[in-house]
Structure formats: C-alpha cells, structure tokens
PDB file of N, CA and C in Angstrom:
ATOM      1  N   MET A   1      98.584  80.705  97.870  1.00  0.00           N
ATOM      2  CA  MET A   1      98.312  82.211  98.021  1.00  0.00           C
ATOM      3  C   MET A   1      99.522  82.876  97.276  1.00  0.00           C
ATOM      4  N   GLN A   2     100.556  82.170  97.369  1.00  0.00           N
ATOM      5  CA  GLN A   2     101.687  82.591  96.638  1.00  0.00           C
ATOM      6  C   GLN A   2     101.326  82.641  95.134  1.00  0.00           C
ATOM      7  N   PHE A   3     100.929  81.678  94.697  1.00  0.00           N
ATOM      8  CA  PHE A   3     100.538  81.603  93.043  1.00  0.00           C
ATOM      9  C   PHE A   3      99.667  82.708  92.749  1.00  0.00           C
ATOM     10  N   PHE A   4      98.669  83.152  93.403  1.00  0.00           N
ATOM     11  CA  PHE A   4      97.721  84.228  93.287  1.00  0.00           C
ATOM     12  C   PHE A   4      98.347  85.456  93.193  1.00  0.00           C
ATOM     13  N   ALA A   5      99.281  85.522  94.123  1.00  0.00           N
ATOM     14  CA  ALA A   5     100.078  86.781  94.006  1.00  0.00           C
ATOM     15  C   ALA A   5     101.043  87.083  92.943  1.00  0.00           C
ATOM     16  N   ASN A   6     101.616  85.998  92.383  1.00  0.00           N
ATOM     17  CA  ASN A   6     102.264  85.935  91.134  1.00  0.00           C
ATOM     18  C   ASN A   6     101.667  86.180  89.921  1.00  0.00           C
ATOM     19  N   LEU A   7     100.512  85.801  90.131  1.00  0.00           N
ATOM     20  CA  LEU A   7      99.451  85.811  88.816  1.00  0.00           C
ATOM     21  C   LEU A   7      99.196  87.255  88.946  1.00  0.00           C
ATOM     22  N   VAL A   8      98.697  88.002  89.916  1.00  0.00           N
ATOM     23  CA  VAL A   8      98.448  89.207  89.866  1.00  0.00           C
ATOM     24  C   VAL A   8      99.422  90.209  89.678  1.00  0.00           C
ATOM     25  N   LEU A   9     100.495  89.799  89.989  1.00  0.00           N
ATOM     26  CA  LEU A   9     101.711  90.526  89.634  1.00  0.00           C
ATOM     27  C   LEU A   9     102.013  90.457  88.256  1.00  0.00           C
ATOM     28  N   ILE A  10     102.002  89.486  87.406  1.00  0.00           N
ATOM     29  CA  ILE A  10     102.102  89.226  86.162  1.00  0.00           C
ATOM     30  C   ILE A  10     101.109  89.833  85.393  1.00  0.00           C
ATOM     31  N   VAL A  11      99.790  90.059  85.681  1.00  0.00           N
ATOM     32  CA  VAL A  11      98.846  90.813  85.088  1.00  0.00           C
ATOM     33  C   VAL A  11      99.116  92.324  85.242  1.00  0.00           C
ATOM     34  N   GLN A  12      99.665  92.728  86.280  1.00  0.00           N
ATOM     35  CA  GLN A  12      99.962  93.998  86.484  1.00  0.00           C
ATOM     36  C   GLN A  12     101.135  94.486  85.618  1.00  0.00           C
ATOM     37  N   LEU A  13     101.842  93.666  85.317  1.00  0.00           N
ATOM     38  CA  LEU A  13     102.870  94.173  84.582  1.00  0.00           C
ATOM     39  C   LEU A  13     102.440  94.456  83.159  1.00  0.00           C
ATOM     40  N   LEU A  14     101.807  93.137  82.684  1.00  0.00           N
ATOM     41  CA  LEU A  14     101.217  93.338  81.334  1.00  0.00           C
ATOM     42  C   LEU A  14     100.485  94.406  81.108  1.00  0.00           C
ATOM     43  N   SER A  15      99.554  94.669  82.000  1.00  0.00           N
ATOM     44  CA  SER A  15      98.603  95.870  81.860  1.00  0.00           C
ATOM     45  C   SER A  15      99.384  97.163  81.681  1.00  0.00           C
ATOM     46  N   GLY A  16     100.495  97.293  82.477  1.00  0.00           N
ATOM     47  CA  GLY A  16     101.402  98.426  82.770  1.00  0.00           C
ATOM     48  C   GLY A  16     102.174  98.580  81.400  1.00  0.00           C
ATOM     49  N   ILE A  17     102.554  97.656  80.711  1.00  0.00           N
ATOM     50  CA  ILE A  17     103.537  97.351  79.615  1.00  0.00           C
ATOM     51  C   ILE A  17     102.249  97.652  78.240  1.00  0.00           C
ATOM     52  N   ALA A  18     101.184  97.477  78.498  1.00  0.00           N
ATOM     53  CA  ALA A  18      99.924  97.602  77.596  1.00  0.00           C
ATOM     54  C   ALA A  18      99.483  99.205  77.664  1.00  0.00           C
ATOM     55  N   ILE A  19      99.541  99.832  78.757  1.00  0.00           N
ATOM     56  CA  ILE A  19      99.325 101.337  79.110  1.00  0.00           C
ATOM     57  C   ILE A  19     100.442 102.131  78.337  1.00  0.00           C
ATOM     58  N   ILE A  20     101.818 101.473  78.606  1.00  0.00           N
ATOM     59  CA  ILE A  20     102.554 102.515  77.998  1.00  0.00           C
ATOM     60  C   ILE A  20     102.655 102.483  76.344  1.00  0.00           C
ATOM     61  N   GLY A  21     102.345 101.089  75.980  1.00  0.00           N
ATOM     62  CA  GLY A  21     102.019 101.041  74.434  1.00  0.00           C
ATOM     63  C   GLY A  21     101.140 101.883  73.830  1.00  0.00           C
ATOM     64  N   LEU A  22      99.976 101.744  74.472  1.00  0.00           N
ATOM     65  CA  LEU A  22      98.515 102.572  73.921  1.00  0.00           C
ATOM     66  C   LEU A  22      98.861 103.825  74.125  1.00  0.00           C
ATOM     67  N   VAL A  23      99.417 104.531  75.312  1.00  0.00           N
ATOM     68  CA  VAL A  23      99.757 105.934  75.160  1.00  0.00           C
ATOM     69  C   VAL A  23     100.342 106.435  74.155  1.00  0.00           C
ATOM     70  N   LEU A  24     101.536 105.695  73.899  1.00  0.00           N
ATOM     71  CA  LEU A  24     102.466 105.998  72.793  1.00  0.00           C
ATOM     72  C   LEU A  24     101.946 105.858  71.184  1.00  0.00           C
ATOM     73  N   VAL A  25     101.013 104.942  71.270  1.00  0.00           N
ATOM     74  CA  VAL A  25     100.363 104.977  69.542  1.00  0.00           C
ATOM     75  C   VAL A  25      99.427 106.163  69.603  1.00  0.00           C
ATOM     76  N   GLN A  26      98.815 106.559  70.758  1.00  0.00           N
ATOM     77  CA  GLN A  26      97.551 107.736  70.560  1.00  0.00           C
ATOM     78  C   GLN A  26      98.192 108.806  70.069  1.00  0.00           C
ATOM     79  N   HIS A  27      97.397 109.707  69.274  1.00  0.00           N
ATOM     80  CA  HIS A  27      97.952 110.943  68.902  1.00  0.00           C
ATOM     81  C   HIS A  27      97.293 112.049  69.811  1.00  0.00           C
ATOM     82  N   GLY A  28      98.001 113.185  69.714  1.00  0.00           N
ATOM     83  CA  GLY A  28      97.892 114.351  70.565  1.00  0.00           C
ATOM     84  C   GLY A  28      96.668 115.111  69.943  1.00  0.00           C
ATOM     85  N   LYS A  29      96.399 116.033  70.546  1.00  0.00           N
ATOM     86  CA  LYS A  29      95.233 117.106  70.101  1.00  0.00           C
ATOM     87  C   LYS A  29      95.676 117.780  68.557  1.00  0.00           C
ATOM     88  N   GLY A  30      94.967 117.664  67.916  1.00  0.00           N
ATOM     89  CA  GLY A  30      95.072 118.313  66.565  1.00  0.00           C
ATOM     90  C   GLY A  30      95.757 117.493  65.539  1.00  0.00           C
ATOM     91  N   ALA A  31      96.139 116.411  65.849  1.00  0.00           N
ATOM     92  CA  ALA A  31      96.946 115.618  65.013  1.00  0.00           C
ATOM     93  C   ALA A  31      95.761 114.229  64.759  1.00  0.00           C
ATOM     94  N   ASP A  32      96.191 113.932  63.306  1.00  0.00           N
ATOM     95  CA  ASP A  32      95.187 112.693  63.146  1.00  0.00           C
ATOM     96  C   ASP A  32      95.920 111.564  63.067  1.00  0.00           C
ATOM     97  N   MET A  33      95.310 110.413  62.819  1.00  0.00           N
ATOM     98  CA  MET A  33      95.994 109.046  62.629  1.00  0.00           C
ATOM     99  C   MET A  33      96.873 109.223  61.483  1.00  0.00           C
ATOM    100  N   GLY A  34      96.459 109.630  60.483  1.00  0.00           N
ATOM    101  CA  GLY A  34      97.402 109.690  59.225  1.00  0.00           C
ATOM    102  C   GLY A  34      98.842 110.334  59.411  1.00  0.00           C
ATOM    103  N   ALA A  35      98.946 110.813  60.476  1.00  0.00           N
ATOM    104  CA  ALA A  35     100.359 111.534  60.859  1.00  0.00           C
ATOM    105  C   ALA A  35     101.156 110.291  61.561  1.00  0.00           C
ATOM    106  N   SER A  36     100.542 109.297  62.026  1.00  0.00           N
ATOM    107  CA  SER A  36     101.447 108.272  62.816  1.00  0.00           C
ATOM    108  C   SER A  36     101.601 107.307  61.748  1.00  0.00           C
ATOM    109  N   PHE A  37     100.591 106.837  61.106  1.00  0.00           N
ATOM    110  CA  PHE A  37     100.549 105.369  60.211  1.00  0.00           C
ATOM    111  C   PHE A  37     100.654 105.733  58.839  1.00  0.00           C
ATOM    112  N   GLY A  38     100.761 107.112  58.150  1.00  0.00           N
ATOM    113  CA  GLY A  38     100.714 107.150  56.855  1.00  0.00           C
ATOM    114  C   GLY A  38      99.466 107.951  56.357  1.00  0.00           C
ATOM    115  N   SER A  39      99.287 108.415  55.379  1.00  0.00           N
ATOM    116  CA  SER A  39      98.332 109.426  54.846  1.00  0.00           C
ATOM    117  C   SER A  39      96.760 108.525  54.805  1.00  0.00           C
ATOM    118  N   GLY A  40      96.888 107.373  54.433  1.00  0.00           N
ATOM    119  CA  GLY A  40      95.641 106.528  54.184  1.00  0.00           C
ATOM    120  C   GLY A  40      95.097 105.685  55.160  1.00  0.00           C
ATOM    121  N   ALA A  41      95.931 105.506  56.149  1.00  0.00           N
ATOM    122  CA  ALA A  41      95.780 104.655  57.298  1.00  0.00           C
ATOM    123  C   ALA A  41      94.596 104.893  58.199  1.00  0.00           C
ATOM    124  N   SER A  42      94.315 106.289  58.250  1.00  0.00           N
ATOM    125  CA  SER A  42      93.251 106.761  59.048  1.00  0.00           C
ATOM    126  C   SER A  42      91.910 106.093  58.903  1.00  0.00           C
ATOM    127  N   GLY A  43      91.469 105.980  57.760  1.00  0.00           N
ATOM    128  CA  GLY A  43      90.064 105.397  57.427  1.00  0.00           C
ATOM    129  C   GLY A  43      90.068 103.901  57.131  1.00  0.00           C
ATOM    130  N   SER A  44      91.168 103.302  57.187  1.00  0.00           N
ATOM    131  CA  SER A  44      90.936 101.786  56.590  1.00  0.00           C
ATOM    132  C   SER A  44      90.757 100.813  57.843  1.00  0.00           C
ATOM    133  N   LEU A  45      91.166 100.670  59.007  1.00  0.00           N
ATOM    134  CA  LEU A  45      90.989  99.956  59.956  1.00  0.00           C
ATOM    135  C   LEU A  45      89.757 100.329  60.768  1.00  0.00           C
ATOM    136  N   PHE A  46      89.629 101.495  61.528  1.00  0.00           N
ATOM    137  CA  PHE A  46      88.656 101.722  62.769  1.00  0.00           C
ATOM    138  C   PHE A  46      87.875 102.861  62.083  1.00  0.00           C
ATOM    139  N   GLY A  47      88.142 103.614  60.866  1.00  0.00           N
ATOM    140  CA  GLY A  47      87.401 104.783  60.245  1.00  0.00           C
ATOM    141  C   GLY A  47      88.210 106.030  61.289  1.00  0.00           C
ATOM    142  N   ALA A  48      87.577 107.139  60.929  1.00  0.00           N
ATOM    143  CA  ALA A  48      88.327 108.283  61.310  1.00  0.00           C
ATOM    144  C   ALA A  48      88.439 108.384  62.852  1.00  0.00           C
ATOM    145  N   THR A  49      87.228 108.283  63.516  1.00  0.00           N
ATOM    146  CA  THR A  49      87.392 108.389  64.913  1.00  0.00           C
ATOM    147  C   THR A  49      86.934 107.048  65.782  1.00  0.00           C
ATOM    148  N   GLY A  50      87.032 106.128  65.002  1.00  0.00           N
ATOM    149  CA  GLY A  50      86.878 104.931  65.494  1.00  0.00           C
ATOM    150  C   GLY A  50      87.981 104.296  65.943  1.00  0.00           C
ATOM    151  N   SER A  51      89.429 104.767  65.603  1.00  0.00           N
ATOM    152  CA  SER A  51      90.647 104.302  66.255  1.00  0.00           C
ATOM    153  C   SER A  51      90.794 105.295  67.549  1.00  0.00           C
ATOM    154  N   ALA A  52      90.287 106.592  67.551  1.00  0.00           N
ATOM    155  CA  ALA A  52      90.649 107.242  68.791  1.00  0.00           C
ATOM    156  C   ALA A  52      89.762 106.567  69.947  1.00  0.00           C
ATOM    157  N   ASN A  53      88.374 106.139  69.697  1.00  0.00           N
ATOM    158  CA  ASN A  53      87.503 105.608  70.635  1.00  0.00           C
ATOM    159  C   ASN A  53      88.177 104.296  71.286  1.00  0.00           C
ATOM    160  N   PHE A  54      88.645 103.448  70.055  1.00  0.00           N
ATOM    161  CA  PHE A  54      89.205 102.198  70.407  1.00  0.00           C
ATOM    162  C   PHE A  54      90.543 102.288  71.357  1.00  0.00           C
ATOM    163  N   LEU A  55      91.579 103.013  70.974  1.00  0.00           N
ATOM    164  CA  LEU A  55      92.702 103.216  71.762  1.00  0.00           C
ATOM    165  C   LEU A  55      92.365 103.777  73.210  1.00  0.00           C
ATOM    166  N   SER A  56      91.214 104.906  73.208  1.00  0.00           N
ATOM    167  CA  SER A  56      91.086 105.500  74.613  1.00  0.00           C
ATOM    168  C   SER A  56      90.230 104.469  75.473  1.00  0.00           C
ATOM    169  N   ARG A  57      89.404 103.590  74.852  1.00  0.00           N
ATOM    170  CA  ARG A  57      88.823 102.652  75.690  1.00  0.00           C
ATOM    171  C   ARG A  57      89.559 101.422  76.124  1.00  0.00           C
ATOM    172  N   SER A  58      90.856 101.064  75.275  1.00  0.00           N
ATOM    173  CA  SER A  58      91.619  99.956  75.546  1.00  0.00           C
ATOM    174  C   SER A  58      92.874 100.761  76.843  1.00  0.00           C
ATOM    175  N   THR A  59      93.033 101.927  76.556  1.00  0.00           N
ATOM    176  CA  THR A  59      93.743 102.495  77.630  1.00  0.00           C
ATOM    177  C   THR A  59      92.929 102.500  79.025  1.00  0.00           C
ATOM    178  N   ALA A  60      91.675 102.689  78.941  1.00  0.00           N
ATOM    179  CA  ALA A  60      90.842 102.719  80.098  1.00  0.00           C
ATOM    180  C   ALA A  60      90.723 101.303  80.828  1.00  0.00           C
ATOM    181  N   VAL A  61      90.718 100.335  79.878  1.00  0.00           N
ATOM    182  CA  VAL A  61      90.584  99.106  80.419  1.00  0.00           C
ATOM    183  C   VAL A  61      91.973  98.578  81.026  1.00  0.00           C
ATOM    184  N   ALA A  62      92.825  98.860  80.236  1.00  0.00           N
ATOM    185  CA  ALA A  62      94.128  98.506  81.031  1.00  0.00           C
ATOM    186  C   ALA A  62      94.534  99.240  82.226  1.00  0.00           C
ATOM    187  N   ALA A  63      94.142 100.467  82.399  1.00  0.00           N
ATOM    188  CA  ALA A  63      94.486 101.345  83.375  1.00  0.00           C
ATOM    189  C   ALA A  63      93.585 100.802  84.762  1.00  0.00           C
ATOM    190  N   THR A  64      92.296 100.581  84.409  1.00  0.00           N
ATOM    191  CA  THR A  64      91.535  99.678  85.431  1.00  0.00           C
ATOM    192  C   THR A  64      92.140  98.441  85.930  1.00  0.00           C
ATOM    193  N   LEU A  65      92.453  97.596  84.958  1.00  0.00           N
ATOM    194  CA  LEU A  65      93.301  96.539  85.523  1.00  0.00           C
ATOM    195  C   LEU A  65      94.378  96.640  86.230  1.00  0.00           C
ATOM    196  N   PHE A  66      95.284  97.611  85.995  1.00  0.00           N
ATOM    197  CA  PHE A  66      96.666  97.993  86.508  1.00  0.00           C
ATOM    198  C   PHE A  66      95.992  98.416  87.893  1.00  0.00           C
ATOM    199  N   PHE A  67      95.160  99.359  88.150  1.00  0.00           N
ATOM    200  CA  PHE A  67      94.649  99.766  89.331  1.00  0.00           C
ATOM    201  C   PHE A  67      94.168  98.716  90.415  1.00  0.00           C
ATOM    202  N   GLY A  68      93.474  97.836  89.728  1.00  0.00           N
ATOM    203  CA  GLY A  68      92.684  96.671  90.588  1.00  0.00           C
ATOM    204  C   GLY A  68      93.903  95.780  91.098  1.00  0.00           C
ATOM    205  N   CYS A  69      94.941  95.467  89.986  1.00  0.00           N
ATOM    206  CA  CYS A  69      95.820  94.574  90.400  1.00  0.00           C
ATOM    207  C   CYS A  69      96.792  95.242  91.582  1.00  0.00           C
ATOM    208  N   THR A  70      96.962  96.564  91.546  1.00  0.00           N
ATOM    209  CA  THR A  70      97.821  97.273  92.383  1.00  0.00           C
ATOM    210  C   THR A  70      97.069  97.049  93.998  1.00  0.00           C
ATOM    211  N   LEU A  71      95.764  97.416  93.800  1.00  0.00           N
ATOM    212  CA  LEU A  71      95.007  97.247  95.296  1.00  0.00           C
ATOM    213  C   LEU A  71      94.990  95.539  95.580  1.00  0.00           C
ATOM    214  N   GLY A  72      95.015  94.706  94.736  1.00  0.00           N
ATOM    215  CA  GLY A  72      94.939  93.223  95.151  1.00  0.00           C
ATOM    216  C   GLY A  72      96.516  92.992  95.573  1.00  0.00           C
ATOM    217  N   LEU A  73      97.413  93.944  95.314  1.00  0.00           N
ATOM    218  CA  LEU A  73      98.860  93.219  95.449  1.00  0.00           C
ATOM    219  C   LEU A  73      99.118  93.958  96.934  1.00  0.00           C
ATOM    220  N   ALA A  74      98.334  95.002  97.176  1.00  0.00           N
ATOM    221  CA  ALA A  74      98.293  95.725  98.524  1.00  0.00           C
ATOM    222  C   ALA A  74      97.700  94.904  99.510  1.00  0.00           C
ATOM    223  N   TYR A  75      96.512  94.378  99.215  1.00  0.00           N
ATOM    224  CA  TYR A  75      95.837  93.723  99.980  1.00  0.00           C
ATOM    225  C   TYR A  75      96.612  92.596 100.449  1.00  0.00           C
ATOM    226  N   LEU A  76      97.110  91.723  99.587  1.00  0.00           N
ATOM    227  CA  LEU A  76      97.935  90.414  99.819  1.00  0.00           C
ATOM    228  C   LEU A  76      99.102  90.611 100.623  1.00  0.00           C
ATOM    229  N   ALA A  77      99.812  91.888 100.220  1.00  0.00           N
ATOM    230  CA  ALA A  77     100.895  91.979 101.110  1.00  0.00           C
ATOM    231  C   ALA A  77     100.504  92.499 102.486  1.00  0.00           C
ATOM    232  N   ASN A  78      99.467  93.032 102.703  1.00  0.00           N
ATOM    233  CA  ASN A  78      99.165  93.457 104.030  1.00  0.00           C
ATOM    234  C   ASN A  78      98.759  92.113 105.203  1.00  0.00           C
ATOM    235  N   GLY A  79      98.407  91.196 104.233  1.00  0.00           N
ATOM    236  CA  GLY A  79      98.087  89.938 105.139  1.00  0.00           C
ATOM    237  C   GLY A  79      99.200  89.048 105.486  1.00  0.00           C
ATOM    238  N   ARG A  80     100.484  89.393 104.828  1.00  0.00           N
ATOM    239  CA  ARG A  80     101.533  88.522 105.232  1.00  0.00           C
ATOM    240  C   ARG A  80     101.741  88.923 106.611  1.00  0.00           C
ATOM    241  N   THR A  81     102.423  87.760 107.554  1.00  0.00           N
ATOM    242  CA  THR A  81     103.175  87.950 108.768  1.00  0.00           C
ATOM    243  C   THR A  81     104.161  86.935 108.818  1.00  0.00           C
ATOM    244  N   GLY A  82     105.142  87.432 107.833  1.00  0.00           N
ATOM    245  CA  GLY A  82     106.383  86.563 108.072  1.00  0.00           C
ATOM    246  C   GLY A  82     107.380  87.302 108.939  1.00  0.00           C
ATOM    247  N   ALA A  83     108.631  86.483 108.907  1.00  0.00           N
ATOM    248  CA  ALA A  83     109.570  87.098 109.638  1.00  0.00           C
ATOM    249  C   ALA A  83     110.223  88.461 109.454  1.00  0.00           C
ATOM    250  N   GLY A  84     109.981  88.844 108.165  1.00  0.00           N
ATOM    251  CA  GLY A  84     110.611  90.378 107.980  1.00  0.00           C
ATOM    252  C   GLY A  84     109.613  91.325 107.664  1.00  0.00           C
ATOM    253  N   SER A  85     108.238  91.082 108.192  1.00  0.00           N
ATOM    254  CA  SER A  85     107.317  91.945 107.900  1.00  0.00           C
ATOM    255  C   SER A  85     107.274  93.108 108.905  1.00  0.00           C
ATOM    256  N   ALA A  86     106.675  93.998 108.632  1.00  0.00           N
ATOM    257  CA  ALA A  86     106.656  95.378 109.279  1.00  0.00           C
ATOM    258  C   ALA A  86     105.844  95.246 110.753  1.00  0.00           C
ATOM    259  N   GLU A  87     104.798  94.402 110.496  1.00  0.00           N
ATOM    260  CA  GLU A  87     103.871  93.877 111.691  1.00  0.00           C
ATOM    261  C   GLU A  87     104.467  93.250 112.736  1.00  0.00           C
ATOM    262  N   THR A  88     105.445  92.258 112.428  1.00  0.00           N
ATOM    263  CA  THR A  88     106.342  91.670 113.534  1.00  0.00           C
ATOM    264  C   THR A  88     107.181  92.453 113.931  1.00  0.00           C
ATOM    265  N   LEU A  89     107.914  93.198 113.207  1.00  0.00           N
ATOM    266  CA  LEU A  89     108.864  94.149 113.659  1.00  0.00           C
ATOM    267  C   LEU A  89     108.375  95.362 114.517  1.00  0.00           C
ATOM    268  N   LEU A  90     107.244  95.947 114.519  1.00  0.00           N
ATOM    269  CA  LEU A  90     106.655  96.707 115.072  1.00  0.00           C
ATOM    270  C   LEU A  90     106.101  96.130 116.432  1.00  0.00           C
ATOM    271  N   ASP A  91     105.780  94.957 116.504  1.00  0.00           N
ATOM    272  CA  ASP A  91     105.111  94.238 117.707  1.00  0.00           C
ATOM    273  C   ASP A  91     106.164  93.713 118.815  1.00  0.00           C
ATOM    274  N   ARG A  92     107.304  93.750 118.329  1.00  0.00           N
ATOM    275  CA  ARG A  92     108.450  93.468 119.603  1.00  0.00           C
ATOM    276  C   ARG A  92     108.941  94.500 120.514  1.00  0.00           C
ATOM    277  N   ALA A  93     109.113  93.986 121.550  1.00  0.00           N
ATOM    278  CA  ALA A  93     109.566  94.990 122.445  1.00  0.00           C
ATOM    279  C   ALA A  93     110.745  95.661 122.164  1.00  0.00           C
ATOM    280  N   PRO A  94     110.960  96.758 122.445  1.00  0.00           N
ATOM    281  CA  PRO A  94     112.146  97.611 122.041  1.00  0.00           C
ATOM    282  C   PRO A  94     112.915  97.252 123.252  1.00  0.00           C
ATOM    283  N   VAL A  95     114.598  97.161 122.522  1.00  0.00           N
ATOM    284  CA  VAL A  95     115.570  96.754 122.981  1.00  0.00           C
ATOM    285  C   VAL A  95     116.085  98.137 123.724  1.00  0.00           C
ATOM    286  N   SER A  96     116.405  98.015 124.957  1.00  0.00           N
ATOM    287  CA  SER A  96     117.050  99.228 125.527  1.00  0.00           C
ATOM    288  C   SER A  96     118.668  98.927 125.664  1.00  0.00           C
ATOM    289  N   ALA A  97     119.261  99.791 125.268  1.00  0.00           N
ATOM    290  CA  ALA A  97     120.644  99.773 125.416  1.00  0.00           C
ATOM    291  C   ALA A  97     121.262 100.416 126.959  1.00  0.00           C
ATOM    292  N   PRO A  98     122.090  99.572 127.570  1.00  0.00           N
ATOM    293  CA  PRO A  98     122.595 100.132 129.023  1.00  0.00           C
ATOM    294  C   PRO A  98     122.916 101.512 129.027  1.00  0.00           C
ATOM    295  N   ALA A  99     122.727 102.378 129.668  1.00  0.00           N
ATOM    296  CA  ALA A  99     123.234 103.803 129.875  1.00  0.00           C
ATOM    297  C   ALA A  99     124.687 103.929 130.031  1.00  0.00           C
ATOM    298  N   ALA A 100     125.626 104.502 129.265  1.00  0.00           N
ATOM    299  CA  ALA A 100     126.712 104.682 129.579  1.00  0.00           C
ATOM    300  C   ALA A 100     127.092 105.894 130.387  1.00  0.00           C
ATOM    301  N   SER A 101     128.398 106.025 131.234  1.00  0.00           N
ATOM    302  CA  SER A 101     128.462 106.884 132.361  1.00  0.00           C
ATOM    303  C   SER A 101     129.096 108.268 131.854  1.00  0.00           C
ATOM    304  N   GLY A 102     128.223 109.220 132.169  1.00  0.00           N
ATOM    305  CA  GLY A 102     128.793 110.399 131.639  1.00  0.00           C
ATOM    306  C   GLY A 102     128.227 110.972 130.126  1.00  0.00           C
ATOM    307  N   ALA A 103     128.532 110.138 129.230  1.00  0.00           N
ATOM    308  CA  ALA A 103     127.941 110.360 127.762  1.00  0.00           C
ATOM    309  C   ALA A 103     126.776 110.494 127.678  1.00  0.00           C
ATOM    310  N   ALA A 104     126.038 109.619 128.346  1.00  0.00           N
ATOM    311  CA  ALA A 104     124.615 109.493 128.018  1.00  0.00           C
ATOM    312  C   ALA A 104     123.759 111.013 128.260  1.00  0.00           C
ATOM    313  N   ALA A 105     124.573 111.717 129.561  1.00  0.00           N
ATOM    314  CA  ALA A 105     123.849 112.775 129.859  1.00  0.00           C
ATOM    315  C   ALA A 105     123.743 113.908 128.873  1.00  0.00           C
ATOM    316  N   ILE A 106     124.738 113.758 127.787  1.00  0.00           N
ATOM    317  CA  ILE A 106     125.087 114.827 126.802  1.00  0.00           C
ATOM    318  C   ILE A 106     124.027 114.780 125.771  1.00  0.00           C
ATOM    319  N   PRO A 107     123.268 115.605 125.203  1.00  0.00           N
ATOM    320  CA  PRO A 107     122.468 115.419 124.349  1.00  0.00           C
ATOM    321  C   PRO A 107     123.102 115.291 122.916  1.00  0.00           C
ATOM    322  N   GLY A 108     122.743 114.428 122.059  1.00  0.00           N
ATOM    323  CA  GLY A 108     123.309 114.367 120.795  1.00  0.00           C
ATOM    324  C   GLY A 108     124.812 113.708 120.847  1.00  0.00           C
ATOM    325  N   ALA A 109     125.289 113.149 121.982  1.00  0.00           N
ATOM    326  CA  ALA A 109     126.683 112.462 122.033  1.00  0.00           C
ATOM    327  C   ALA A 109     126.466 111.180 121.490  1.00  0.00           C
ATOM    328  N   VAL A 110     127.260 110.632 120.705  1.00  0.00           N
ATOM    329  CA  VAL A 110     127.622 109.397 119.914  1.00  0.00           C
ATOM    330  C   VAL A 110     128.483 108.307 121.099  1.00  0.00           C
ATOM    331  N   VAL A 111     127.606 107.476 121.484  1.00  0.00           N
ATOM    332  CA  VAL A 111     128.193 106.504 122.368  1.00  0.00           C
ATOM    333  C   VAL A 111     128.942 105.136 121.704  1.00  0.00           C
ATOM    334  N   ALA A 112     129.792 104.892 121.849  1.00  0.00           N
ATOM    335  CA  ALA A 112     130.796 103.792 120.676  1.00  0.00           C
ATOM    336  C   ALA A 112     129.978 102.447 122.006  1.00  0.00           C
ATOM    337  N   PRO A 113     129.764 101.441 121.380  1.00  0.00           N
ATOM    338  CA  PRO A 113     128.898 100.300 121.800  1.00  0.00           C
ATOM    339  C   PRO A 113     130.215  99.356 122.728  1.00  0.00           C
ATOM    340  N   ALA A 114     130.016  98.765 123.715  1.00  0.00           N
ATOM    341  CA  ALA A 114     130.657  98.357 124.492  1.00  0.00           C
ATOM    342  C   ALA A 114     131.459  96.939 123.879  1.00  0.00           C
ATOM    343  N   ALA A 115     132.543  96.528 124.307  1.00  0.00           N
ATOM    344  CA  ALA A 115     133.345  95.289 123.663  1.00  0.00           C
ATOM    345  C   ALA A 115     132.800  94.213 124.429  1.00  0.00           C
ATOM    346  N   PRO A 116     132.532  93.243 123.798  1.00  0.00           N
ATOM    347  CA  PRO A 116     131.970  91.969 124.367  1.00  0.00           C
ATOM    348  C   PRO A 116     133.234  91.752 125.406  1.00  0.00           C
ATOM    349  N   ALA A 117     132.894  90.671 126.603  1.00  0.00           N
ATOM    350  CA  ALA A 117     133.636  90.185 127.573  1.00  0.00           C
ATOM    351  C   ALA A 117     134.878  89.670 127.243  1.00  0.00           C
ATOM    352  N   SER A 118     134.613  88.708 126.360  1.00  0.00           N
ATOM    353  CA  SER A 118     135.914  87.989 125.850  1.00  0.00           C
ATOM    354  C   SER A 118     137.107  88.734 125.363  1.00  0.00           C
ATOM    355  N   VAL A 119     136.845  89.905 124.398  1.00  0.00           N
ATOM    356  CA  VAL A 119     137.515  90.802 123.998  1.00  0.00           C
ATOM    357  C   VAL A 119     138.222  91.644 124.984  1.00  0.00           C
ATOM    358  N   ALA A 120     137.431  92.189 125.880  1.00  0.00           N
ATOM    359  CA  ALA A 120     137.900  92.820 127.167  1.00  0.00           C
ATOM    360  C   ALA A 120     138.863  92.001 128.190  1.00  0.00           C
ATOM    361  N   ALA A 121     138.689  90.664 127.996  1.00  0.00           N
ATOM    362  CA  ALA A 121     139.671  89.596 128.887  1.00  0.00           C
ATOM    363  C   ALA A 121     140.844  89.635 128.290  1.00  0.00           C
ATOM    364  N   SER A 122     140.608  89.331 126.953  1.00  0.00           N
ATOM    365  CA  SER A 122     142.123  89.144 126.127  1.00  0.00           C
ATOM    366  C   SER A 122     142.718  90.373 126.017  1.00  0.00           C
ATOM    367  N   ALA A 123     142.032  91.480 126.104  1.00  0.00           N
ATOM    368  CA  ALA A 123     142.979  92.774 126.218  1.00  0.00           C
ATOM    369  C   ALA A 123     143.679  93.078 127.443  1.00  0.00           C
ATOM    370  N   ALA A 124     142.844  92.563 128.451  1.00  0.00           N
ATOM    371  CA  ALA A 124     143.404  92.999 129.792  1.00  0.00           C
ATOM    372  C   ALA A 124     144.544  91.750 130.049  1.00  0.00           C
ATOM    373  N   ALA A 125     144.783  90.346 129.615  1.00  0.00           N
ATOM    374  CA  ALA A 125     145.558  89.680 129.927  1.00  0.00           C
ATOM    375  C   ALA A 125     146.994  90.105 128.900  1.00  0.00           C
ATOM    376  N   ASN A 126     146.872  90.651 128.106  1.00  0.00           N
ATOM    377  CA  ASN A 126     147.984  91.002 127.246  1.00  0.00           C
ATOM    378  C   ASN A 126     148.386  92.330 127.777  1.00  0.00           C
TER     379      ASN A 126
END
C-alpha cells in the first residue's frame, strides 16, 4: 500500500510540474506563438492554431491527472490508522487535570502544573 501511495505522489508531483511548464509556455490573449518562439515558429510544428489546441489539451490532461492523484492521496491518507493519525487521537478518552484549589474557580486563570512527588520530597528535605 505504501508503494502505491508513493507512486501516486510521484505522478502528482510530475503532473504539477507539467502544469507549471505548460502554463508558462502558453500565450496570452492577443499574442501569437511567434512572439514566444520567433517569427516563423508559429506555422512550423503544429500550425497557427494547432499549438494552442495541443497546449490547452495537454494542460487539461495534466490538470485531470493532478486532481485525480490528489483525490487518491486523500483517500489513502484517510484509510491510515497509525499511532499519530487524527482518528486515534480523537478516539482516546480525554485526560482531565485535577482541579487546583482557588485558581480553578477564576475564569481565564493560568494554573501551573503540580511538581512530581520526588521533586516535592527533595525540596522538603532541604
């Protein structure tokens, strides 16, 4: 299961990097591909509109992969029940501190924790 989670994480990282690269390569409104790659490059590889379609479709595929991997990682993380998971922390019974005399009755009062018995015994002996 850990191998599958690592594989999904690697695919998510690669698709995120691909999205960043593809968005940076795409041109904005009113700009042509010639502005990015030189004057004659717009018609050489994909055609005048072919590069825009190719880049936008590639970005959509990478975004779909990224979204799917994000959902997969969320599903895999929800299924974990390790020692530090939120599920086991929330299922534990709350630990109640003993009430301090006087200070606990004051709302918002900060109560110092009680010293262990060994520290109190050594302080009394001195």
